[in-house]
Amino acid sequence: MRQDILKQLTEGQLNPKQAYRLLYPNQRQLKCRKAHFVKLRIKIPEEKGVTRFLAFLFLLPFPLFLVRWGLKFVKEDQMKESPLSKKDILHLIGYKPIRLQVRANDGVIVNIHTL
């Protein structure tokens, strides 16, 4: 059955949306709620004092409008190495619950959580 659907898709008899619905009939579309705040946690493994200061600085969540406002000042040439564009990032942070963990090569861990 799956082979037939995939064959019809490659021949152009079905579009990708129709093929997905036939392959996964029980999938329901999720409705995401809007986020209003962003919580940051930054851990630097060998600098306990700096980690504590950053934990105190980011103790309370930031309102989302401040984060969006700050992202508007990021230049496009700084985003070349990122797989997401600035527009995509602005769209994605508007929903909750999104959790993102970034691990740098030097051991720094950044946790981002939308509330």
PDB file of N, CA and C in Angstrom:
ATOM      1  N   MET A   1       0.822  -1.189   0.000  1.00  0.00           N
ATOM      2  CA  MET A   1       0.000   0.000   0.000  1.00  0.00           C
ATOM      3  C   MET A   1       0.871   1.261   0.000  1.00  0.00           C
ATOM      4  N   ARG A   2       1.869   1.277   0.871  1.00  0.00           N
ATOM      5  CA  ARG A   2       2.748   2.446   0.945  1.00  0.00           C
ATOM      6  C   ARG A   2       3.528   2.632  -0.356  1.00  0.00           C
ATOM      7  N   GLN A   3       3.940   1.522  -0.937  1.00  0.00           N
ATOM      8  CA  GLN A   3       4.686   1.607  -2.187  1.00  0.00           C
ATOM      9  C   GLN A   3       3.826   2.213  -3.297  1.00  0.00           C
ATOM     10  N   ASP A   4       2.540   1.855  -3.314  1.00  0.00           N
ATOM     11  CA  ASP A   4       1.632   2.394  -4.325  1.00  0.00           C
ATOM     12  C   ASP A   4       1.468   3.902  -4.168  1.00  0.00           C
ATOM     13  N   ILE A   5       1.330   4.341  -2.919  1.00  0.00           N
ATOM     14  CA  ILE A   5       1.165   5.773  -2.654  1.00  0.00           C
ATOM     15  C   ILE A   5       2.419   6.532  -3.057  1.00  0.00           C
ATOM     16  N   LEU A   6       3.577   5.989  -2.718  1.00  0.00           N
ATOM     17  CA  LEU A   6       4.830   6.651  -3.073  1.00  0.00           C
ATOM     18  C   LEU A   6       5.050   6.662  -4.589  1.00  0.00           C
ATOM     19  N   LYS A   7       4.616   5.603  -5.256  1.00  0.00           N
ATOM     20  CA  LYS A   7       4.734   5.549  -6.716  1.00  0.00           C
ATOM     21  C   LYS A   7       3.835   6.598  -7.356  1.00  0.00           C
ATOM     22  N   GLN A   8       2.600   6.738  -6.835  1.00  0.00           N
ATOM     23  CA  GLN A   8       1.690   7.754  -7.352  1.00  0.00           C
ATOM     24  C   GLN A   8       2.242   9.157  -7.111  1.00  0.00           C
ATOM     25  N   LEU A   9       2.919   9.322  -6.001  1.00  0.00           N
ATOM     26  CA  LEU A   9       3.518  10.622  -5.686  1.00  0.00           C
ATOM     27  C   LEU A   9       4.636  10.959  -6.670  1.00  0.00           C
ATOM     28  N   THR A  10       5.486   9.991  -6.982  1.00  0.00           N
ATOM     29  CA  THR A  10       6.582  10.246  -7.916  1.00  0.00           C
ATOM     30  C   THR A  10       6.085  10.457  -9.337  1.00  0.00           C
ATOM     31  N   GLU A  11       4.968   9.824  -9.683  1.00  0.00           N
ATOM     32  CA  GLU A  11       4.409   9.999 -11.026  1.00  0.00           C
ATOM     33  C   GLU A  11       3.597  11.289 -11.153  1.00  0.00           C
ATOM     34  N   GLY A  12       3.332  11.956 -10.038  1.00  0.00           N
ATOM     35  CA  GLY A  12       2.608  13.220 -10.082  1.00  0.00           C
ATOM     36  C   GLY A  12       1.110  13.085  -9.984  1.00  0.00           C
ATOM     37  N   GLN A  13       0.608  11.897  -9.685  1.00  0.00           N
ATOM     38  CA  GLN A  13      -0.828  11.705  -9.549  1.00  0.00           C
ATOM     39  C   GLN A  13      -1.334  12.260  -8.216  1.00  0.00           C
ATOM     40  N   LEU A  14      -0.468  12.308  -7.211  1.00  0.00           N
ATOM     41  CA  LEU A  14      -0.811  12.859  -5.904  1.00  0.00           C
ATOM     42  C   LEU A  14       0.142  14.000  -5.586  1.00  0.00           C
ATOM     43  N   ASN A  15      -0.373  14.989  -4.864  1.00  0.00           N
ATOM     44  CA  ASN A  15       0.541  16.012  -4.375  1.00  0.00           C
ATOM     45  C   ASN A  15       1.046  15.581  -2.989  1.00  0.00           C
ATOM     46  N   PRO A  16       2.093  16.197  -2.470  1.00  0.00           N
ATOM     47  CA  PRO A  16       2.670  15.744  -1.203  1.00  0.00           C
ATOM     48  C   PRO A  16       1.694  15.748  -0.023  1.00  0.00           C
ATOM     49  N   LYS A  17       0.792  16.715   0.016  1.00  0.00           N
ATOM     50  CA  LYS A  17      -0.177  16.764   1.117  1.00  0.00           C
ATOM     51  C   LYS A  17      -1.119  15.568   1.095  1.00  0.00           C
ATOM     52  N   GLN A  18      -1.605  15.233  -0.073  1.00  0.00           N
ATOM     53  CA  GLN A  18      -2.508  14.087  -0.202  1.00  0.00           C
ATOM     54  C   GLN A  18      -1.779  12.788   0.145  1.00  0.00           C
ATOM     55  N   ALA A  19      -0.547  12.662  -0.312  1.00  0.00           N
ATOM     56  CA  ALA A  19       0.222  11.456  -0.012  1.00  0.00           C
ATOM     57  C   ALA A  19       0.476  11.329   1.489  1.00  0.00           C
ATOM     58  N   TYR A  20       0.768  12.437   2.142  1.00  0.00           N
ATOM     59  CA  TYR A  20       0.998  12.398   3.591  1.00  0.00           C
ATOM     60  C   TYR A  20      -0.267  11.962   4.320  1.00  0.00           C
ATOM     61  N   ARG A  21      -1.404  12.476   3.902  1.00  0.00           N
ATOM     62  CA  ARG A  21      -2.670  12.098   4.552  1.00  0.00           C
ATOM     63  C   ARG A  21      -2.994  10.620   4.340  1.00  0.00           C
ATOM     64  N   LEU A  22      -2.648  10.092   3.178  1.00  0.00           N
ATOM     65  CA  LEU A  22      -2.885   8.666   2.926  1.00  0.00           C
ATOM     66  C   LEU A  22      -1.904   7.785   3.706  1.00  0.00           C
ATOM     67  N   LEU A  23      -0.673   8.244   3.842  1.00  0.00           N
ATOM     68  CA  LEU A  23       0.323   7.455   4.576  1.00  0.00           C
ATOM     69  C   LEU A  23       0.081   7.490   6.082  1.00  0.00           C
ATOM     70  N   TYR A  24      -0.351   8.627   6.599  1.00  0.00           N
ATOM     71  CA  TYR A  24      -0.563   8.797   8.039  1.00  0.00           C
ATOM     72  C   TYR A  24      -1.977   9.301   8.287  1.00  0.00           C
ATOM     73  N   PRO A  25      -2.981   8.431   8.231  1.00  0.00           N
ATOM     74  CA  PRO A  25      -4.370   8.884   8.329  1.00  0.00           C
ATOM     75  C   PRO A  25      -4.785   9.312   9.735  1.00  0.00           C
ATOM     76  N   ASN A  26      -4.130   8.822  10.756  1.00  0.00           N
ATOM     77  CA  ASN A  26      -4.562   9.110  12.126  1.00  0.00           C
ATOM     78  C   ASN A  26      -3.872  10.319  12.730  1.00  0.00           C
ATOM     79  N   GLN A  27      -3.055  11.000  11.975  1.00  0.00           N
ATOM     80  CA  GLN A  27      -2.358  12.172  12.498  1.00  0.00           C
ATOM     81  C   GLN A  27      -3.331  13.333  12.608  1.00  0.00           C
ATOM     82  N   ARG A  28      -3.281  13.999  13.734  1.00  0.00           N
ATOM     83  CA  ARG A  28      -4.118  15.185  13.899  1.00  0.00           C
ATOM     84  C   ARG A  28      -3.212  16.401  13.950  1.00  0.00           C
ATOM     85  N   GLN A  29      -3.749  17.512  13.541  1.00  0.00           N
ATOM     86  CA  GLN A  29      -2.955  18.727  13.504  1.00  0.00           C
ATOM     87  C   GLN A  29      -2.948  19.355  14.890  1.00  0.00           C
ATOM     88  N   LEU A  30      -1.755  19.682  15.364  1.00  0.00           N
ATOM     89  CA  LEU A  30      -1.613  20.280  16.680  1.00  0.00           C
ATOM     90  C   LEU A  30      -1.872  21.776  16.605  1.00  0.00           C
ATOM     91  N   LYS A  31      -2.509  22.279  17.625  1.00  0.00           N
ATOM     92  CA  LYS A  31      -2.720  23.710  17.714  1.00  0.00           C
ATOM     93  C   LYS A  31      -1.805  24.237  18.816  1.00  0.00           C
ATOM     94  N   CYS A  32      -0.950  25.134  18.444  1.00  0.00           N
ATOM     95  CA  CYS A  32       0.008  25.690  19.398  1.00  0.00           C
ATOM     96  C   CYS A  32      -0.553  26.969  19.995  1.00  0.00           C
ATOM     97  N   ARG A  33      -0.226  27.156  21.254  1.00  0.00           N
ATOM     98  CA  ARG A  33      -0.639  28.377  21.926  1.00  0.00           C
ATOM     99  C   ARG A  33       0.449  29.432  21.786  1.00  0.00           C
ATOM    100  N   LYS A  34       0.060  30.673  21.891  1.00  0.00           N
ATOM    101  CA  LYS A  34       1.001  31.778  21.770  1.00  0.00           C
ATOM    102  C   LYS A  34       1.854  31.876  23.025  1.00  0.00           C
ATOM    103  N   ALA A  35       3.112  32.190  22.838  1.00  0.00           N
ATOM    104  CA  ALA A  35       4.023  32.409  23.960  1.00  0.00           C
ATOM    105  C   ALA A  35       4.056  33.895  24.293  1.00  0.00           C
ATOM    106  N   HIS A  36       4.354  34.185  25.551  1.00  0.00           N
ATOM    107  CA  HIS A  36       4.433  35.573  25.987  1.00  0.00           C
ATOM    108  C   HIS A  36       5.780  35.905  26.622  1.00  0.00           C
ATOM    109  N   PHE A  37       6.504  34.872  27.064  1.00  0.00           N
ATOM    110  CA  PHE A  37       7.778  35.097  27.744  1.00  0.00           C
ATOM    111  C   PHE A  37       8.828  34.107  27.250  1.00  0.00           C
ATOM    112  N   VAL A  38      10.095  34.476  27.412  1.00  0.00           N
ATOM    113  CA  VAL A  38      11.220  33.621  27.067  1.00  0.00           C
ATOM    114  C   VAL A  38      12.129  33.529  28.288  1.00  0.00           C
ATOM    115  N   LYS A  39      12.463  32.307  28.679  1.00  0.00           N
ATOM    116  CA  LYS A  39      13.347  32.061  29.821  1.00  0.00           C
ATOM    117  C   LYS A  39      14.695  31.584  29.304  1.00  0.00           C
ATOM    118  N   LEU A  40      15.773  32.190  29.774  1.00  0.00           N
ATOM    119  CA  LEU A  40      17.132  31.836  29.361  1.00  0.00           C
ATOM    120  C   LEU A  40      17.919  31.288  30.539  1.00  0.00           C
ATOM    121  N   ARG A  41      18.750  30.300  30.280  1.00  0.00           N
ATOM    122  CA  ARG A  41      19.712  29.778  31.249  1.00  0.00           C
ATOM    123  C   ARG A  41      21.017  29.546  30.519  1.00  0.00           C
ATOM    124  N   ILE A  42      22.076  30.114  31.035  1.00  0.00           N
ATOM    125  CA  ILE A  42      23.386  29.975  30.421  1.00  0.00           C
ATOM    126  C   ILE A  42      24.323  29.375  31.454  1.00  0.00           C
ATOM    127  N   LYS A  43      24.956  28.260  31.088  1.00  0.00           N
ATOM    128  CA  LYS A  43      25.889  27.582  31.985  1.00  0.00           C
ATOM    129  C   LYS A  43      27.274  27.553  31.354  1.00  0.00           C
ATOM    130  N   ILE A  44      28.239  28.113  32.081  1.00  0.00           N
ATOM    131  CA  ILE A  44      29.630  28.082  31.649  1.00  0.00           C
ATOM    132  C   ILE A  44      30.351  27.151  32.612  1.00  0.00           C
ATOM    133  N   PRO A  45      30.887  26.030  32.139  1.00  0.00           N
ATOM    134  CA  PRO A  45      31.343  24.967  33.038  1.00  0.00           C
ATOM    135  C   PRO A  45      32.471  25.345  33.992  1.00  0.00           C
ATOM    136  N   GLU A  46      33.430  26.133  33.569  1.00  0.00           N
ATOM    137  CA  GLU A  46      34.582  26.397  34.420  1.00  0.00           C
ATOM    138  C   GLU A  46      34.530  27.762  35.096  1.00  0.00           C
ATOM    139  N   GLU A  47      33.465  28.508  34.900  1.00  0.00           N
ATOM    140  CA  GLU A  47      33.322  29.837  35.484  1.00  0.00           C
ATOM    141  C   GLU A  47      32.067  29.877  36.352  1.00  0.00           C
ATOM    142  N   LYS A  48      32.187  29.429  37.597  1.00  0.00           N
ATOM    143  CA  LYS A  48      31.010  29.367  38.477  1.00  0.00           C
ATOM    144  C   LYS A  48      30.476  30.751  38.820  1.00  0.00           C
ATOM    145  N   GLY A  49      31.362  31.718  39.007  1.00  0.00           N
ATOM    146  CA  GLY A  49      30.930  33.071  39.337  1.00  0.00           C
ATOM    147  C   GLY A  49      30.142  33.713  38.208  1.00  0.00           C
ATOM    148  N   VAL A  50      30.625  33.537  36.989  1.00  0.00           N
ATOM    149  CA  VAL A  50      29.937  34.096  35.826  1.00  0.00           C
ATOM    150  C   VAL A  50      28.599  33.390  35.621  1.00  0.00           C
ATOM    151  N   THR A  51      28.572  32.086  35.833  1.00  0.00           N
ATOM    152  CA  THR A  51      27.325  31.333  35.690  1.00  0.00           C
ATOM    153  C   THR A  51      26.290  31.805  36.704  1.00  0.00           C
ATOM    154  N   ARG A  52      26.715  32.047  37.935  1.00  0.00           N
ATOM    155  CA  ARG A  52      25.791  32.556  38.967  1.00  0.00           C
ATOM    156  C   ARG A  52      25.291  33.949  38.621  1.00  0.00           C
ATOM    157  N   PHE A  53      26.179  34.800  38.120  1.00  0.00           N
ATOM    158  CA  PHE A  53      25.765  36.146  37.730  1.00  0.00           C
ATOM    159  C   PHE A  53      24.737  36.089  36.603  1.00  0.00           C
ATOM    160  N   LEU A  54      24.972  35.235  35.616  1.00  0.00           N
ATOM    161  CA  LEU A  54      24.023  35.093  34.513  1.00  0.00           C
ATOM    162  C   LEU A  54      22.700  34.500  34.991  1.00  0.00           C
ATOM    163  N   ALA A  55      22.759  33.578  35.958  1.00  0.00           N
ATOM    164  CA  ALA A  55      21.527  33.012  36.515  1.00  0.00           C
ATOM    165  C   ALA A  55      20.722  34.096  37.231  1.00  0.00           C
ATOM    166  N   PHE A  56      21.415  34.984  37.932  1.00  0.00           N
ATOM    167  CA  PHE A  56      20.733  36.088  38.605  1.00  0.00           C
ATOM    168  C   PHE A  56      20.183  37.083  37.584  1.00  0.00           C
ATOM    169  N   LEU A  57      20.974  37.366  36.548  1.00  0.00           N
ATOM    170  CA  LEU A  57      20.563  38.327  35.527  1.00  0.00           C
ATOM    171  C   LEU A  57      19.326  37.844  34.773  1.00  0.00           C
ATOM    172  N   PHE A  58      19.271  36.561  34.476  1.00  0.00           N
ATOM    173  CA  PHE A  58      18.144  35.985  33.741  1.00  0.00           C
ATOM    174  C   PHE A  58      17.195  35.231  34.673  1.00  0.00           C
ATOM    175  N   LEU A  59      17.069  35.680  35.913  1.00  0.00           N
ATOM    176  CA  LEU A  59      16.207  35.015  36.885  1.00  0.00           C
ATOM    177  C   LEU A  59      14.742  35.060  36.454  1.00  0.00           C
ATOM    178  N   LEU A  60      14.309  36.196  35.996  1.00  0.00           N
ATOM    179  CA  LEU A  60      12.926  36.351  35.542  1.00  0.00           C
ATOM    180  C   LEU A  60      12.857  36.199  34.025  1.00  0.00           C
ATOM    181  N   PRO A  61      11.762  35.671  33.520  1.00  0.00           N
ATOM    182  CA  PRO A  61      11.621  35.545  32.061  1.00  0.00           C
ATOM    183  C   PRO A  61      11.508  36.915  31.392  1.00  0.00           C
ATOM    184  N   PHE A  62      11.994  36.998  30.172  1.00  0.00           N
ATOM    185  CA  PHE A  62      11.886  38.217  29.381  1.00  0.00           C
ATOM    186  C   PHE A  62      10.563  38.234  28.648  1.00  0.00           C
ATOM    187  N   PRO A  63       9.908  39.392  28.561  1.00  0.00           N
ATOM    188  CA  PRO A  63       8.727  39.472  27.697  1.00  0.00           C
ATOM    189  C   PRO A  63       9.129  39.261  26.242  1.00  0.00           C
ATOM    190  N   LEU A  64       8.293  38.607  25.517  1.00  0.00           N
ATOM    191  CA  LEU A  64       8.611  38.227  24.148  1.00  0.00           C
ATOM    192  C   LEU A  64       8.785  39.428  23.233  1.00  0.00           C
ATOM    193  N   PHE A  65       8.071  40.511  23.496  1.00  0.00           N
ATOM    194  CA  PHE A  65       8.213  41.673  22.615  1.00  0.00           C
ATOM    195  C   PHE A  65       9.609  42.279  22.714  1.00  0.00           C
ATOM    196  N   LEU A  66      10.275  42.160  23.865  1.00  0.00           N
ATOM    197  CA  LEU A  66      11.651  42.653  23.978  1.00  0.00           C
ATOM    198  C   LEU A  66      12.623  41.797  23.174  1.00  0.00           C
ATOM    199  N   VAL A  67      12.386  40.488  23.169  1.00  0.00           N
ATOM    200  CA  VAL A  67      13.246  39.583  22.404  1.00  0.00           C
ATOM    201  C   VAL A  67      13.076  39.833  20.910  1.00  0.00           C
ATOM    202  N   ARG A  68      11.846  40.004  20.470  1.00  0.00           N
ATOM    203  CA  ARG A  68      11.599  40.294  19.048  1.00  0.00           C
ATOM    204  C   ARG A  68      12.222  41.622  18.650  1.00  0.00           C
ATOM    205  N   TRP A  69      12.104  42.605  19.511  1.00  0.00           N
ATOM    206  CA  TRP A  69      12.686  43.909  19.249  1.00  0.00           C
ATOM    207  C   TRP A  69      14.209  43.800  19.139  1.00  0.00           C
ATOM    208  N   GLY A  70      14.832  43.018  20.008  1.00  0.00           N
ATOM    209  CA  GLY A  70      16.276  42.829  19.967  1.00  0.00           C
ATOM    210  C   GLY A  70      16.735  42.067  18.739  1.00  0.00           C
ATOM    211  N   LEU A  71      15.949  41.093  18.285  1.00  0.00           N
ATOM    212  CA  LEU A  71      16.314  40.322  17.085  1.00  0.00           C
ATOM    213  C   LEU A  71      16.235  41.149  15.812  1.00  0.00           C
ATOM    214  N   LYS A  72      15.465  42.213  15.828  1.00  0.00           N
ATOM    215  CA  LYS A  72      15.362  43.048  14.642  1.00  0.00           C
ATOM    216  C   LYS A  72      16.671  43.780  14.357  1.00  0.00           C
ATOM    217  N   PHE A  73      17.535  43.931  15.359  1.00  0.00           N
ATOM    218  CA  PHE A  73      18.807  44.619  15.173  1.00  0.00           C
ATOM    219  C   PHE A  73      19.923  43.688  14.711  1.00  0.00           C
ATOM    220  N   VAL A  74      19.655  42.389  14.644  1.00  0.00           N
ATOM    221  CA  VAL A  74      20.654  41.438  14.163  1.00  0.00           C
ATOM    222  C   VAL A  74      20.717  41.540  12.647  1.00  0.00           C
ATOM    223  N   LYS A  75      21.929  41.681  12.115  1.00  0.00           N
ATOM    224  CA  LYS A  75      22.095  41.840  10.673  1.00  0.00           C
ATOM    225  C   LYS A  75      22.047  40.480   9.984  1.00  0.00           C
ATOM    226  N   GLU A  76      21.619  40.482   8.737  1.00  0.00           N
ATOM    227  CA  GLU A  76      21.476  39.246   7.967  1.00  0.00           C
ATOM    228  C   GLU A  76      22.822  38.562   7.722  1.00  0.00           C
ATOM    229  N   ASP A  77      23.901  39.330   7.593  1.00  0.00           N
ATOM    230  CA  ASP A  77      25.198  38.708   7.345  1.00  0.00           C
ATOM    231  C   ASP A  77      25.720  37.970   8.576  1.00  0.00           C
ATOM    232  N   GLN A  78      25.209  38.294   9.758  1.00  0.00           N
ATOM    233  CA  GLN A  78      25.567  37.565  10.973  1.00  0.00           C
ATOM    234  C   GLN A  78      24.821  36.235  11.060  1.00  0.00           C
ATOM    235  N   MET A  79      23.767  36.084  10.298  1.00  0.00           N
ATOM    236  CA  MET A  79      22.923  34.889  10.333  1.00  0.00           C
ATOM    237  C   MET A  79      23.285  33.893   9.228  1.00  0.00           C
ATOM    238  N   LYS A  80      24.379  34.103   8.513  1.00  0.00           N
ATOM    239  CA  LYS A  80      24.726  33.234   7.383  1.00  0.00           C
ATOM    240  C   LYS A  80      24.988  31.798   7.811  1.00  0.00           C
ATOM    241  N   GLU A  81      25.582  31.585   8.978  1.00  0.00           N
ATOM    242  CA  GLU A  81      25.903  30.231   9.421  1.00  0.00           C
ATOM    243  C   GLU A  81      24.702  29.523  10.042  1.00  0.00           C
ATOM    244  N   SER A  82      23.661  30.249  10.347  1.00  0.00           N
ATOM    245  CA  SER A  82      22.470  29.668  10.953  1.00  0.00           C
ATOM    246  C   SER A  82      21.608  29.008   9.882  1.00  0.00           C
ATOM    247  N   PRO A  83      21.058  27.814  10.173  1.00  0.00           N
ATOM    248  CA  PRO A  83      20.191  27.171   9.177  1.00  0.00           C
ATOM    249  C   PRO A  83      18.821  27.848   9.065  1.00  0.00           C
ATOM    250  N   LEU A  84      18.462  28.674  10.038  1.00  0.00           N
ATOM    251  CA  LEU A  84      17.180  29.368  10.024  1.00  0.00           C
ATOM    252  C   LEU A  84      17.387  30.843   9.715  1.00  0.00           C
ATOM    253  N   SER A  85      16.468  31.420   8.997  1.00  0.00           N
ATOM    254  CA  SER A  85      16.536  32.847   8.736  1.00  0.00           C
ATOM    255  C   SER A  85      15.975  33.606   9.941  1.00  0.00           C
ATOM    256  N   LYS A  86      16.193  34.900   9.945  1.00  0.00           N
ATOM    257  CA  LYS A  86      15.707  35.728  11.047  1.00  0.00           C
ATOM    258  C   LYS A  86      14.178  35.714  11.092  1.00  0.00           C
ATOM    259  N   LYS A  87      13.551  35.687   9.933  1.00  0.00           N
ATOM    260  CA  LYS A  87      12.091  35.642   9.852  1.00  0.00           C
ATOM    261  C   LYS A  87      11.553  34.338  10.463  1.00  0.00           C
ATOM    262  N   ASP A  88      12.227  33.225  10.176  1.00  0.00           N
ATOM    263  CA  ASP A  88      11.809  31.938  10.736  1.00  0.00           C
ATOM    264  C   ASP A  88      11.950  31.914  12.254  1.00  0.00           C
ATOM    265  N   ILE A  89      13.037  32.464  12.755  1.00  0.00           N
ATOM    266  CA  ILE A  89      13.253  32.499  14.205  1.00  0.00           C
ATOM    267  C   ILE A  89      12.192  33.357  14.876  1.00  0.00           C
ATOM    268  N   LEU A  90      11.892  34.503  14.299  1.00  0.00           N
ATOM    269  CA  LEU A  90      10.848  35.360  14.866  1.00  0.00           C
ATOM    270  C   LEU A  90       9.493  34.658  14.872  1.00  0.00           C
ATOM    271  N   HIS A  91       9.232  33.858  13.849  1.00  0.00           N
ATOM    272  CA  HIS A  91       7.962  33.112  13.787  1.00  0.00           C
ATOM    273  C   HIS A  91       7.938  31.984  14.826  1.00  0.00           C
ATOM    274  N   LEU A  92       9.040  31.269  14.980  1.00  0.00           N
ATOM    275  CA  LEU A  92       9.073  30.108  15.867  1.00  0.00           C
ATOM    276  C   LEU A  92       8.999  30.473  17.349  1.00  0.00           C
ATOM    277  N   ILE A  93       9.593  31.581  17.736  1.00  0.00           N
ATOM    278  CA  ILE A  93       9.587  31.903  19.168  1.00  0.00           C
ATOM    279  C   ILE A  93       8.236  32.422  19.637  1.00  0.00           C
ATOM    280  N   GLY A  94       7.303  32.570  18.745  1.00  0.00           N
ATOM    281  CA  GLY A  94       5.984  33.052  19.125  1.00  0.00           C
ATOM    282  C   GLY A  94       5.073  31.988  19.699  1.00  0.00           C
ATOM    283  N   TYR A  95       5.510  30.738  19.750  1.00  0.00           N
ATOM    284  CA  TYR A  95       4.660  29.651  20.216  1.00  0.00           C
ATOM    285  C   TYR A  95       5.276  28.956  21.418  1.00  0.00           C
ATOM    286  N   LYS A  96       4.421  28.342  22.226  1.00  0.00           N
ATOM    287  CA  LYS A  96       4.911  27.586  23.372  1.00  0.00           C
ATOM    288  C   LYS A  96       4.386  26.176  23.313  1.00  0.00           C
ATOM    289  N   PRO A  97       4.918  25.232  23.970  1.00  0.00           N
ATOM    290  CA  PRO A  97       6.184  25.229  24.702  1.00  0.00           C
ATOM    291  C   PRO A  97       7.333  24.786  23.797  1.00  0.00           C
ATOM    292  N   ILE A  98       8.243  25.657  23.539  1.00  0.00           N
ATOM    293  CA  ILE A  98       9.415  25.331  22.745  1.00  0.00           C
ATOM    294  C   ILE A  98      10.622  25.350  23.667  1.00  0.00           C
ATOM    295  N   ARG A  99      11.382  24.275  23.641  1.00  0.00           N
ATOM    296  CA  ARG A  99      12.617  24.179  24.420  1.00  0.00           C
ATOM    297  C   ARG A  99      13.770  23.962  23.453  1.00  0.00           C
ATOM    298  N   LEU A 100      14.807  24.753  23.647  1.00  0.00           N
ATOM    299  CA  LEU A 100      15.965  24.675  22.774  1.00  0.00           C
ATOM    300  C   LEU A 100      17.217  24.638  23.634  1.00  0.00           C
ATOM    301  N   GLN A 101      18.096  23.707  23.346  1.00  0.00           N
ATOM    302  CA  GLN A 101      19.357  23.609  24.069  1.00  0.00           C
ATOM    303  C   GLN A 101      20.492  23.705  23.061  1.00  0.00           C
ATOM    304  N   VAL A 102      21.379  24.660  23.288  1.00  0.00           N
ATOM    305  CA  VAL A 102      22.524  24.880  22.403  1.00  0.00           C
ATOM    306  C   VAL A 102      23.781  24.537  23.180  1.00  0.00           C
ATOM    307  N   ARG A 103      24.592  23.659  22.622  1.00  0.00           N
ATOM    308  CA  ARG A 103      25.864  23.275  23.234  1.00  0.00           C
ATOM    309  C   ARG A 103      26.995  23.743  22.331  1.00  0.00           C
ATOM    310  N   ALA A 104      27.850  24.583  22.878  1.00  0.00           N
ATOM    311  CA  ALA A 104      28.985  25.099  22.115  1.00  0.00           C
ATOM    312  C   ALA A 104      30.163  24.143  22.238  1.00  0.00           C
ATOM    313  N   ASN A 105      31.138  24.326  21.378  1.00  0.00           N
ATOM    314  CA  ASN A 105      32.317  23.466  21.392  1.00  0.00           C
ATOM    315  C   ASN A 105      33.139  23.618  22.661  1.00  0.00           C
ATOM    316  N   ASP A 106      33.099  24.794  23.279  1.00  0.00           N
ATOM    317  CA  ASP A 106      33.881  25.020  24.491  1.00  0.00           C
ATOM    318  C   ASP A 106      33.142  24.634  25.763  1.00  0.00           C
ATOM    319  N   GLY A 107      31.975  24.007  25.658  1.00  0.00           N
ATOM    320  CA  GLY A 107      31.260  23.490  26.812  1.00  0.00           C
ATOM    321  C   GLY A 107      30.141  24.382  27.333  1.00  0.00           C
ATOM    322  N   VAL A 108      29.948  25.536  26.756  1.00  0.00           N
ATOM    323  CA  VAL A 108      28.897  26.444  27.196  1.00  0.00           C
ATOM    324  C   VAL A 108      27.549  25.887  26.755  1.00  0.00           C
ATOM    325  N   ILE A 109      26.592  25.900  27.698  1.00  0.00           N
ATOM    326  CA  ILE A 109      25.250  25.371  27.418  1.00  0.00           C
ATOM    327  C   ILE A 109      24.249  26.519  27.579  1.00  0.00           C
ATOM    328  N   VAL A 110      23.423  26.729  26.570  1.00  0.00           N
ATOM    329  CA  VAL A 110      22.386  27.752  26.611  1.00  0.00           C
ATOM    330  C   VAL A 110      21.044  27.073  26.451  1.00  0.00           C
ATOM    331  N   ASN A 111      20.164  27.239  27.427  1.00  0.00           N
ATOM    332  CA  ASN A 111      18.813  26.697  27.384  1.00  0.00           C
ATOM    333  C   ASN A 111      17.834  27.839  27.159  1.00  0.00           C
ATOM    334  N   ILE A 112      16.950  27.677  26.178  1.00  0.00           N
ATOM    335  CA  ILE A 112      15.931  28.667  25.874  1.00  0.00           C
ATOM    336  C   ILE A 112      14.580  27.974  25.959  1.00  0.00           C
ATOM    337  N   HIS A 113      13.652  28.596  26.684  1.00  0.00           N
ATOM    338  CA  HIS A 113      12.328  27.997  26.894  1.00  0.00           C
ATOM    339  C   HIS A 113      11.283  29.090  26.755  1.00  0.00           C
ATOM    340  N   THR A 114      10.276  28.858  25.914  1.00  0.00           N
ATOM    341  CA  THR A 114       9.188  29.846  25.761  1.00  0.00           C
ATOM    342  C   THR A 114       8.045  29.486  26.690  1.00  0.00           C
ATOM    343  N   LEU A 115       7.501  30.490  27.315  1.00  0.00           N
ATOM    344  CA  LEU A 115       6.402  30.325  28.273  1.00  0.00           C
ATOM    345  C   LEU A 115       5.168  31.052  27.799  1.00  0.00           C
TER     346      LEU A 115
END
